C-alpha cells in the first residue's frame, strides 16, 4: 500500500502571557462618530484571477508534474500504436511491445503515488504499522529483487547477528528502494553501489545506508535534498521524477522517531542513510 495514512503528531511551541506588568487608570478620549465604510468592490472570479493567486512554486510544480505524466502517457501511446500496426498487418504482438507499455505504466503509477503520498505528508498523515523484524534480512531481500530487476550488481555488507528493529517493514522497504533507484539513476555503470546495515553513531539506533560511487553532491545542496519537489541542478535533463521521493523518506523516518541524511562531496559519490530506533 503506497498511500500514507494516519495522523502524525507535531508539537508547536506555545506562548506564555506576560505577568507582573504595571497598570494605570486611563480616561479614554471621546470616540469619533464612525464613518460608514465604503462597500467593497466585488470582481467576479475568473480562471485568470484564480491562476494569479497560485504561487510561482505551485505553477512550477504543476508544470513538472504535467510534463512527467505526459511523457509517461506518450510512451504508452507509442507502445499501443505499435501493437495496432502489427495487428493491422496480421503480425503477432511482441513481448517488447508489451514490456514498453508495462514499463511506462509502472512509471505513471509511481508518479501518481508520489503525488498522493507527498500530499499526505504535507497534511501530517503518516501511518506506520510497527512489528519486529530483521533489518538485515529485509535489506538482503530488497537487494536481490533490485539486482534481478535492474541487472546491476550491489555489494551487501551485513553484520553476522540479526539487527531486529520495531518498525513498519513496508515503509522501510520503500525507503531502501528509493535510495537504490536514485543510485541507479545518478550513478550509472561502472559506478559501484553498496548497501550496509549496522549500528548508528546515535546510541539505540540502527543504520541502513546506500552508497554509490557516482558524481557526488555539492555541500550547498545537502540541506535541500529532503525537501519537497527539490531536484539537483540539471537532474531534469537526465532523469525522470517529481522530487518527492526523499521528502517522503524523511517523513517515514520521522514517523518512526528516526532520521535521514546524506554524506557526499563532488567526485566522491554519495551515501544516503536512515536511522531507526533499535
C-alpha atoms as a PDB file:
ATOM      1  CA  UNK A   1       0.000   0.000   0.000  1.00  0.00           C
ATOM      2  CA  UNK A   2       1.608   3.194  -1.161  1.00  0.00           C
ATOM      3  CA  UNK A   3      -0.736   5.675   0.484  1.00  0.00           C
ATOM      4  CA  UNK A   4       0.448   7.168   3.741  1.00  0.00           C
ATOM      5  CA  UNK A   5      -2.334   7.074   6.320  1.00  0.00           C
ATOM      6  CA  UNK A   6      -2.899   8.125   9.919  1.00  0.00           C
ATOM      7  CA  UNK A   7      -2.105  11.263  11.914  1.00  0.00           C
ATOM      8  CA  UNK A   8       1.454  12.414  12.520  1.00  0.00           C
ATOM      9  CA  UNK A   9       1.650  14.476  15.715  1.00  0.00           C
ATOM     10  CA  UNK A  10       3.516  17.774  15.533  1.00  0.00           C
ATOM     11  CA  UNK A  11       4.365  19.797  18.688  1.00  0.00           C
ATOM     12  CA  UNK A  12       4.044  23.541  18.286  1.00  0.00           C
ATOM     13  CA  UNK A  13       5.658  25.948  20.776  1.00  0.00           C
ATOM     14  CA  UNK A  14       3.123  27.767  22.957  1.00  0.00           C
ATOM     15  CA  UNK A  15       3.356  31.360  24.026  1.00  0.00           C
ATOM     16  CA  UNK A  16       3.163  32.478  27.695  1.00  0.00           C
ATOM     17  CA  UNK A  17       1.350  35.654  28.653  1.00  0.00           C
ATOM     18  CA  UNK A  18       3.500  38.285  30.426  1.00  0.00           C
ATOM     19  CA  UNK A  19       3.000  38.667  34.166  1.00  0.00           C
ATOM     20  CA  UNK A  20       3.768  41.442  36.615  1.00  0.00           C
ATOM     21  CA  UNK A  21       3.009  44.294  34.218  1.00  0.00           C
ATOM     22  CA  UNK A  22       2.041  47.548  35.979  1.00  0.00           C
ATOM     23  CA  UNK A  23      -1.311  49.136  35.140  1.00  0.00           C
ATOM     24  CA  UNK A  24      -2.641  52.696  35.414  1.00  0.00           C
ATOM     25  CA  UNK A  25      -6.123  54.137  35.081  1.00  0.00           C
ATOM     26  CA  UNK A  26      -6.630  55.961  31.808  1.00  0.00           C
ATOM     27  CA  UNK A  27      -9.610  58.135  30.891  1.00  0.00           C
ATOM     28  CA  UNK A  28     -10.440  57.415  27.256  1.00  0.00           C
ATOM     29  CA  UNK A  29     -10.993  60.285  24.847  1.00  0.00           C
ATOM     30  CA  UNK A  30     -14.470  60.522  23.274  1.00  0.00           C
ATOM     31  CA  UNK A  31     -14.667  58.246  20.288  1.00  0.00           C
ATOM     32  CA  UNK A  32     -15.330  59.997  16.968  1.00  0.00           C
ATOM     33  CA  UNK A  33     -18.541  59.201  15.156  1.00  0.00           C
ATOM     34  CA  UNK A  34     -17.978  56.202  12.950  1.00  0.00           C
ATOM     35  CA  UNK A  35     -17.789  56.868   9.244  1.00  0.00           C
ATOM     36  CA  UNK A  36     -19.567  54.267   7.163  1.00  0.00           C
ATOM     37  CA  UNK A  37     -17.041  52.128   5.320  1.00  0.00           C
ATOM     38  CA  UNK A  38     -17.397  52.094   1.566  1.00  0.00           C
ATOM     39  CA  UNK A  39     -18.929  48.956   0.191  1.00  0.00           C
ATOM     40  CA  UNK A  40     -16.216  46.616  -1.015  1.00  0.00           C
ATOM     41  CA  UNK A  41     -15.990  46.181  -4.727  1.00  0.00           C
ATOM     42  CA  UNK A  42     -16.536  42.635  -5.889  1.00  0.00           C
ATOM     43  CA  UNK A  43     -14.919  41.388  -9.039  1.00  0.00           C
ATOM     44  CA  UNK A  44     -16.373  38.208 -10.485  1.00  0.00           C
ATOM     45  CA  UNK A  45     -13.892  35.381 -10.218  1.00  0.00           C
ATOM     46  CA  UNK A  46     -12.326  34.145 -13.406  1.00  0.00           C
ATOM     47  CA  UNK A  47      -9.806  31.451 -14.362  1.00  0.00           C
ATOM     48  CA  UNK A  48      -7.223  34.187 -14.947  1.00  0.00           C
ATOM     49  CA  UNK A  49      -7.745  35.668 -11.459  1.00  0.00           C
ATOM     50  CA  UNK A  50      -7.590  32.232  -9.866  1.00  0.00           C
ATOM     51  CA  UNK A  51      -4.393  31.470 -11.736  1.00  0.00           C
ATOM     52  CA  UNK A  52      -2.760  34.642 -10.466  1.00  0.00           C
ATOM     53  CA  UNK A  53      -3.451  33.504  -6.900  1.00  0.00           C
ATOM     54  CA  UNK A  54      -1.217  30.491  -7.323  1.00  0.00           C
ATOM     55  CA  UNK A  55       2.359  30.921  -6.196  1.00  0.00           C
ATOM     56  CA  UNK A  56       5.252  30.611  -8.591  1.00  0.00           C
ATOM     57  CA  UNK A  57       6.224  27.404  -6.788  1.00  0.00           C
ATOM     58  CA  UNK A  58       2.787  25.911  -7.385  1.00  0.00           C
ATOM     59  CA  UNK A  59       2.974  26.778 -11.096  1.00  0.00           C
ATOM     60  CA  UNK A  60       6.394  25.152 -11.337  1.00  0.00           C
ATOM     61  CA  UNK A  61       5.165  22.019  -9.548  1.00  0.00           C
ATOM     62  CA  UNK A  62       2.148  21.689 -11.822  1.00  0.00           C
ATOM     63  CA  UNK A  63       4.345  22.163 -14.897  1.00  0.00           C
ATOM     64  CA  UNK A  64       6.818  19.485 -13.809  1.00  0.00           C
ATOM     65  CA  UNK A  65       4.061  17.018 -12.869  1.00  0.00           C
ATOM     66  CA  UNK A  66       2.206  17.599 -16.135  1.00  0.00           C
ATOM     67  CA  UNK A  67       5.422  17.131 -18.131  1.00  0.00           C
ATOM     68  CA  UNK A  68       6.281  13.843 -16.414  1.00  0.00           C
ATOM     69  CA  UNK A  69       2.738  12.480 -16.707  1.00  0.00           C
ATOM     70  CA  UNK A  70       2.567  13.482 -20.372  1.00  0.00           C
ATOM     71  CA  UNK A  71       5.847  11.692 -21.120  1.00  0.00           C
ATOM     72  CA  UNK A  72       4.630   8.503 -19.435  1.00  0.00           C
ATOM     73  CA  UNK A  73       1.331   8.608 -21.301  1.00  0.00           C
ATOM     74  CA  UNK A  74       3.222   9.236 -24.539  1.00  0.00           C
ATOM     75  CA  UNK A  75       5.262   6.079 -24.035  1.00  0.00           C
ATOM     76  CA  UNK A  76       2.109   4.038 -23.505  1.00  0.00           C
ATOM     77  CA  UNK A  77       0.599   5.578 -26.640  1.00  0.00           C
ATOM     78  CA  UNK A  78       3.649   4.630 -28.721  1.00  0.00           C
ATOM     79  CA  UNK A  79       3.538   1.040 -27.477  1.00  0.00           C
ATOM     80  CA  UNK A  80      -0.188   0.735 -28.247  1.00  0.00           C
ATOM     81  CA  UNK A  81       0.316   2.228 -31.715  1.00  0.00           C
ATOM     82  CA  UNK A  82       2.974  -0.410 -32.458  1.00  0.00           C
ATOM     83  CA  UNK A  83       0.566  -3.122 -31.335  1.00  0.00           C
ATOM     84  CA  UNK A  84      -2.157  -1.749 -33.598  1.00  0.00           C
ATOM     85  CA  UNK A  85       0.220  -1.668 -36.583  1.00  0.00           C
ATOM     86  CA  UNK A  86       1.209  -5.287 -36.032  1.00  0.00           C
ATOM     87  CA  UNK A  87      -2.405  -6.410 -35.742  1.00  0.00           C
ATOM     88  CA  UNK A  88      -3.309  -4.489 -38.916  1.00  0.00           C
ATOM     89  CA  UNK A  89      -0.582  -6.461 -40.739  1.00  0.00           C
ATOM     90  CA  UNK A  90      -1.698  -9.768 -39.201  1.00  0.00           C
ATOM     91  CA  UNK A  91       1.510  -9.939 -37.198  1.00  0.00           C
ATOM     92  CA  UNK A  92       1.694 -11.038 -33.564  1.00  0.00           C
ATOM     93  CA  UNK A  93       2.271  -8.520 -30.796  1.00  0.00           C
ATOM     94  CA  UNK A  94       5.751  -8.955 -29.373  1.00  0.00           C
ATOM     95  CA  UNK A  95       6.840  -9.156 -25.760  1.00  0.00           C
ATOM     96  CA  UNK A  96       8.906  -5.993 -26.315  1.00  0.00           C
ATOM     97  CA  UNK A  97       5.782  -4.014 -27.185  1.00  0.00           C
ATOM     98  CA  UNK A  98       4.029  -5.194 -24.033  1.00  0.00           C
ATOM     99  CA  UNK A  99       7.176  -4.564 -21.999  1.00  0.00           C
ATOM    100  CA  UNK A 100       7.374  -0.940 -23.124  1.00  0.00           C
ATOM    101  CA  UNK A 101       3.737  -0.346 -22.192  1.00  0.00           C
ATOM    102  CA  UNK A 102       4.147  -2.014 -18.810  1.00  0.00           C
ATOM    103  CA  UNK A 103       7.295  -0.020 -18.019  1.00  0.00           C
ATOM    104  CA  UNK A 104       5.576   3.286 -18.816  1.00  0.00           C
ATOM    105  CA  UNK A 105       2.515   2.216 -16.836  1.00  0.00           C
ATOM    106  CA  UNK A 106       4.689   1.492 -13.807  1.00  0.00           C
ATOM    107  CA  UNK A 107       6.328   4.881 -14.206  1.00  0.00           C
ATOM    108  CA  UNK A 108       2.927   6.577 -14.430  1.00  0.00           C
ATOM    109  CA  UNK A 109       1.720   4.734 -11.344  1.00  0.00           C
ATOM    110  CA  UNK A 110       4.849   5.728  -9.415  1.00  0.00           C
ATOM    111  CA  UNK A 111       4.359   9.403 -10.315  1.00  0.00           C
ATOM    112  CA  UNK A 112       0.740   9.370  -9.165  1.00  0.00           C
ATOM    113  CA  UNK A 113       1.643   7.555  -5.943  1.00  0.00           C
ATOM    114  CA  UNK A 114       4.378  10.098  -5.226  1.00  0.00           C
ATOM    115  CA  UNK A 115       1.913  12.953  -5.667  1.00  0.00           C
ATOM    116  CA  UNK A 116      -0.623  11.284  -3.351  1.00  0.00           C
ATOM    117  CA  UNK A 117       1.970  10.382  -0.725  1.00  0.00           C
ATOM    118  CA  UNK A 118       3.508  13.843  -0.881  1.00  0.00           C
ATOM    119  CA  UNK A 119       0.094  15.414  -0.284  1.00  0.00           C
ATOM    120  CA  UNK A 120      -0.496  13.168   2.730  1.00  0.00           C
ATOM    121  CA  UNK A 121       2.895  14.065   4.164  1.00  0.00           C
ATOM    122  CA  UNK A 122       2.002  17.748   3.788  1.00  0.00           C
ATOM    123  CA  UNK A 123      -1.122  17.068   5.847  1.00  0.00           C
ATOM    124  CA  UNK A 124       0.855  15.216   8.502  1.00  0.00           C
ATOM    125  CA  UNK A 125      -0.796  11.892   7.705  1.00  0.00           C
ATOM    126  CA  UNK A 126       1.967   9.309   8.041  1.00  0.00           C
ATOM    127  CA  UNK A 127       0.797   5.996   9.438  1.00  0.00           C
ATOM    128  CA  UNK A 128       3.182   3.211  10.445  1.00  0.00           C
ATOM    129  CA  UNK A 129       2.336  -0.341  11.481  1.00  0.00           C
ATOM    130  CA  UNK A 130       5.121  -1.487  13.755  1.00  0.00           C
ATOM    131  CA  UNK A 131       6.312  -5.059  14.112  1.00  0.00           C
ATOM    132  CA  UNK A 132       9.663  -6.602  14.983  1.00  0.00           C
ATOM    133  CA  UNK A 133      11.751  -7.798  12.020  1.00  0.00           C
ATOM    134  CA  UNK A 134      15.362  -8.322  10.993  1.00  0.00           C
ATOM    135  CA  UNK A 135      16.623  -5.270   9.116  1.00  0.00           C
ATOM    136  CA  UNK A 136      19.453  -7.301   7.566  1.00  0.00           C
ATOM    137  CA  UNK A 137      17.019  -9.848   6.127  1.00  0.00           C
ATOM    138  CA  UNK A 138      14.889  -7.078   4.627  1.00  0.00           C
ATOM    139  CA  UNK A 139      17.951  -5.435   3.074  1.00  0.00           C
ATOM    140  CA  UNK A 140      19.075  -8.737   1.539  1.00  0.00           C
ATOM    141  CA  UNK A 141      15.616  -9.375   0.063  1.00  0.00           C
ATOM    142  CA  UNK A 142      15.315  -5.892  -1.465  1.00  0.00           C
ATOM    143  CA  UNK A 143      18.840  -6.017  -2.914  1.00  0.00           C
ATOM    144  CA  UNK A 144      18.190  -9.404  -4.542  1.00  0.00           C
ATOM    145  CA  UNK A 145      14.986  -8.102  -6.129  1.00  0.00           C
ATOM    146  CA  UNK A 146      16.725  -4.922  -7.285  1.00  0.00           C
ATOM    147  CA  UNK A 147      19.578  -6.854  -8.904  1.00  0.00           C
ATOM    148  CA  UNK A 148      17.126  -9.115 -10.724  1.00  0.00           C
ATOM    149  CA  UNK A 149      15.036  -6.193 -11.975  1.00  0.00           C
ATOM    150  CA  UNK A 150      17.857  -3.810 -12.884  1.00  0.00           C
ATOM    151  CA  UNK A 151      20.666  -6.199 -13.779  1.00  0.00           C
ATOM    152  CA  UNK A 152      23.010  -4.125 -11.648  1.00  0.00           C
ATOM    153  CA  UNK A 153      25.346  -5.699  -9.053  1.00  0.00           C
ATOM    154  CA  UNK A 154      25.102  -4.399  -5.484  1.00  0.00           C
ATOM    155  CA  UNK A 155      27.596  -5.073  -2.707  1.00  0.00           C
ATOM    156  CA  UNK A 156      25.927  -6.033   0.559  1.00  0.00           C
ATOM    157  CA  UNK A 157      27.580  -5.551   3.958  1.00  0.00           C
ATOM    158  CA  UNK A 158      25.597  -7.147   6.801  1.00  0.00           C
ATOM    159  CA  UNK A 159      26.520  -7.979  10.405  1.00  0.00           C
ATOM    160  CA  UNK A 160      26.708 -11.618  11.486  1.00  0.00           C
ATOM    161  CA  UNK A 161      23.903 -11.234  14.032  1.00  0.00           C
ATOM    162  CA  UNK A 162      20.345 -10.175  13.157  1.00  0.00           C
ATOM    163  CA  UNK A 163      19.500  -6.484  13.561  1.00  0.00           C
ATOM    164  CA  UNK A 164      15.992  -6.587  14.997  1.00  0.00           C
ATOM    165  CA  UNK A 165      14.008  -3.344  14.987  1.00  0.00           C
ATOM    166  CA  UNK A 166      10.401  -2.455  15.784  1.00  0.00           C
ATOM    167  CA  UNK A 167       9.204  -0.620  12.685  1.00  0.00           C
ATOM    168  CA  UNK A 168       6.951  -0.734   9.633  1.00  0.00           C
ATOM    169  CA  UNK A 169       8.743  -3.129   7.277  1.00  0.00           C
ATOM    170  CA  UNK A 170       6.916  -1.896   4.161  1.00  0.00           C
ATOM    171  CA  UNK A 171       7.783   1.718   4.878  1.00  0.00           C
ATOM    172  CA  UNK A 172      11.448   0.856   5.482  1.00  0.00           C
ATOM    173  CA  UNK A 173      11.430  -1.184   2.277  1.00  0.00           C
ATOM    174  CA  UNK A 174      10.108   1.844   0.385  1.00  0.00           C
ATOM    175  CA  UNK A 175      12.976   3.983   1.693  1.00  0.00           C
ATOM    176  CA  UNK A 176      15.585   1.420   0.635  1.00  0.00           C
ATOM    177  CA  UNK A 177      14.038   1.039  -2.819  1.00  0.00           C
ATOM    178  CA  UNK A 178      14.052   4.825  -3.257  1.00  0.00           C
ATOM    179  CA  UNK A 179      17.719   5.056  -2.266  1.00  0.00           C
ATOM    180  CA  UNK A 180      18.647   2.235  -4.654  1.00  0.00           C
ATOM    181  CA  UNK A 181      16.685   3.715  -7.548  1.00  0.00           C
ATOM    182  CA  UNK A 182      18.376   7.074  -7.019  1.00  0.00           C
ATOM    183  CA  UNK A 183      21.783   5.391  -7.045  1.00  0.00           C
ATOM    184  CA  UNK A 184      20.798   3.586 -10.237  1.00  0.00           C
ATOM    185  CA  UNK A 185      19.753   6.849 -11.919  1.00  0.00           C
ATOM    186  CA  UNK A 186      22.502   9.180 -10.765  1.00  0.00           C
ATOM    187  CA  UNK A 187      25.457   6.774 -10.698  1.00  0.00           C
ATOM    188  CA  UNK A 188      25.373   4.773 -13.953  1.00  0.00           C
ATOM    189  CA  UNK A 189      27.761   1.853 -14.583  1.00  0.00           C
ATOM    190  CA  UNK A 190      30.555   1.211 -13.922  1.00  0.00           C
ATOM    191  CA  UNK A 191      29.949   3.111 -10.672  1.00  0.00           C
ATOM    192  CA  UNK A 192      29.523   0.644  -7.808  1.00  0.00           C
ATOM    193  CA  UNK A 193      26.526   0.542  -5.455  1.00  0.00           C
ATOM    194  CA  UNK A 194      26.636  -0.887  -1.944  1.00  0.00           C
ATOM    195  CA  UNK A 195      24.131  -1.407   0.865  1.00  0.00           C
ATOM    196  CA  UNK A 196      25.099  -1.680   4.525  1.00  0.00           C
ATOM    197  CA  UNK A 197      23.300  -2.402   7.799  1.00  0.00           C
ATOM    198  CA  UNK A 198      24.877  -1.707  11.179  1.00  0.00           C
ATOM    199  CA  UNK A 199      24.754   0.389  14.327  1.00  0.00           C
ATOM    200  CA  UNK A 200      24.182   4.117  14.047  1.00  0.00           C
ATOM    201  CA  UNK A 201      26.537   6.649  15.618  1.00  0.00           C
ATOM    202  CA  UNK A 202      23.468   7.582  17.685  1.00  0.00           C
ATOM    203  CA  UNK A 203      23.090   5.155  20.591  1.00  0.00           C
ATOM    204  CA  UNK A 204      19.980   2.981  20.413  1.00  0.00           C
ATOM    205  CA  UNK A 205      19.546   3.221  16.645  1.00  0.00           C
ATOM    206  CA  UNK A 206      20.315   1.016  13.668  1.00  0.00           C
ATOM    207  CA  UNK A 207      21.502   2.451  10.358  1.00  0.00           C
ATOM    208  CA  UNK A 208      20.613   1.337   6.834  1.00  0.00           C
ATOM    209  CA  UNK A 209      22.647   3.039   4.112  1.00  0.00           C
ATOM    210  CA  UNK A 210      23.103   3.021   0.346  1.00  0.00           C
ATOM    211  CA  UNK A 211      26.405   4.203  -1.099  1.00  0.00           C
ATOM    212  CA  UNK A 212      27.179   4.930  -4.737  1.00  0.00           C
ATOM    213  CA  UNK A 213      30.397   5.992  -6.416  1.00  0.00           C
ATOM    214  CA  UNK A 214      28.786   8.469  -8.751  1.00  0.00           C
ATOM    215  CA  UNK A 215      29.485  12.176  -9.303  1.00  0.00           C
ATOM    216  CA  UNK A 216      28.598  13.203  -5.756  1.00  0.00           C
ATOM    217  CA  UNK A 217      26.576  16.162  -4.467  1.00  0.00           C
ATOM    218  CA  UNK A 218      27.756  19.652  -3.598  1.00  0.00           C
ATOM    219  CA  UNK A 219      27.569  20.568   0.081  1.00  0.00           C
ATOM    220  CA  UNK A 220      25.358  23.556  -0.754  1.00  0.00           C
ATOM    221  CA  UNK A 221      22.612  21.172  -1.917  1.00  0.00           C
ATOM    222  CA  UNK A 222      22.650  18.807   1.079  1.00  0.00           C
ATOM    223  CA  UNK A 223      20.164  20.755   3.186  1.00  0.00           C
ATOM    224  CA  UNK A 224      17.577  20.803   0.381  1.00  0.00           C
ATOM    225  CA  UNK A 225      17.791  17.177  -0.742  1.00  0.00           C
ATOM    226  CA  UNK A 226      14.979  16.023   1.537  1.00  0.00           C
ATOM    227  CA  UNK A 227      12.733  18.999   0.823  1.00  0.00           C
ATOM    228  CA  UNK A 228       9.572  18.724  -1.223  1.00  0.00           C
ATOM    229  CA  UNK A 229       9.999  18.920  -5.017  1.00  0.00           C
ATOM    230  CA  UNK A 230      13.729  19.605  -4.819  1.00  0.00           C
ATOM    231  CA  UNK A 231      15.817  18.221  -7.665  1.00  0.00           C
ATOM    232  CA  UNK A 232      19.524  18.652  -8.222  1.00  0.00           C
ATOM    233  CA  UNK A 233      20.525  21.236 -10.830  1.00  0.00           C
ATOM    234  CA  UNK A 234      20.384  19.621 -14.261  1.00  0.00           C
ATOM    235  CA  UNK A 235      18.647  16.479 -12.985  1.00  0.00           C
ATOM    236  CA  UNK A 236      15.505  17.097 -15.030  1.00  0.00           C
ATOM    237  CA  UNK A 237      17.533  16.714 -18.235  1.00  0.00           C
ATOM    238  CA  UNK A 238      18.957  13.325 -17.179  1.00  0.00           C
ATOM    239  CA  UNK A 239      16.270  11.590 -15.128  1.00  0.00           C
ATOM    240  CA  UNK A 240      12.520  11.467 -14.569  1.00  0.00           C
ATOM    241  CA  UNK A 241      10.757  12.278 -11.321  1.00  0.00           C
ATOM    242  CA  UNK A 242       8.996  14.924  -9.267  1.00  0.00           C
ATOM    243  CA  UNK A 243      11.465  15.401  -6.435  1.00  0.00           C
ATOM    244  CA  UNK A 244       9.184  13.809  -3.828  1.00  0.00           C
ATOM    245  CA  UNK A 245      10.949  10.536  -3.067  1.00  0.00           C
ATOM    246  CA  UNK A 246      13.445  11.789  -0.479  1.00  0.00           C
ATOM    247  CA  UNK A 247      10.815  14.072   1.051  1.00  0.00           C
ATOM    248  CA  UNK A 248       8.631  11.010   1.689  1.00  0.00           C
ATOM    249  CA  UNK A 249      11.643   9.053   3.019  1.00  0.00           C
ATOM    250  CA  UNK A 250      12.247  11.759   5.611  1.00  0.00           C
ATOM    251  CA  UNK A 251       8.598  11.678   6.701  1.00  0.00           C
ATOM    252  CA  UNK A 252       8.738   7.893   7.122  1.00  0.00           C
ATOM    253  CA  UNK A 253      11.890   8.138   9.242  1.00  0.00           C
ATOM    254  CA  UNK A 254      10.452  10.881  11.436  1.00  0.00           C
ATOM    255  CA  UNK A 255       7.214   8.932  11.937  1.00  0.00           C
ATOM    256  CA  UNK A 256       9.385   6.178  13.458  1.00  0.00           C
ATOM    257  CA  UNK A 257      11.303   8.621  15.643  1.00  0.00           C
ATOM    258  CA  UNK A 258      14.330   8.259  13.354  1.00  0.00           C
ATOM    259  CA  UNK A 259      16.235  10.427  10.923  1.00  0.00           C
ATOM    260  CA  UNK A 260      17.681  10.525   7.401  1.00  0.00           C
ATOM    261  CA  UNK A 261      20.783  12.123   5.973  1.00  0.00           C
ATOM    262  CA  UNK A 262      23.470  12.131   3.319  1.00  0.00           C
ATOM    263  CA  UNK A 263      27.257  12.163   3.207  1.00  0.00           C
ATOM    264  CA  UNK A 264      28.627  13.333  -0.124  1.00  0.00           C
ATOM    265  CA  UNK A 265      31.078  15.558  -1.948  1.00  0.00           C
ATOM    266  CA  UNK A 266      31.616  16.287  -5.651  1.00  0.00           C
ATOM    267  CA  UNK A 267      33.572  13.421  -7.212  1.00  0.00           C
ATOM    268  CA  UNK A 268      33.290  11.257  -4.083  1.00  0.00           C
ATOM    269  CA  UNK A 269      29.911   9.587  -4.557  1.00  0.00           C
ATOM    270  CA  UNK A 270      27.045   9.761  -2.073  1.00  0.00           C
ATOM    271  CA  UNK A 271      25.838   7.756   0.922  1.00  0.00           C
ATOM    272  CA  UNK A 272      22.180   8.112   1.881  1.00  0.00           C
ATOM    273  CA  UNK A 273      21.188   6.693   5.253  1.00  0.00           C
ATOM    274  CA  UNK A 274      18.205   6.184   7.518  1.00  0.00           C
ATOM    275  CA  UNK A 275      18.457   5.700  11.284  1.00  0.00           C
ATOM    276  CA  UNK A 276      15.723   3.781  13.079  1.00  0.00           C
ATOM    277  CA  UNK A 277      15.243   3.016  16.776  1.00  0.00           C
ATOM    278  CA  UNK A 278      16.611  -0.465  17.523  1.00  0.00           C
END
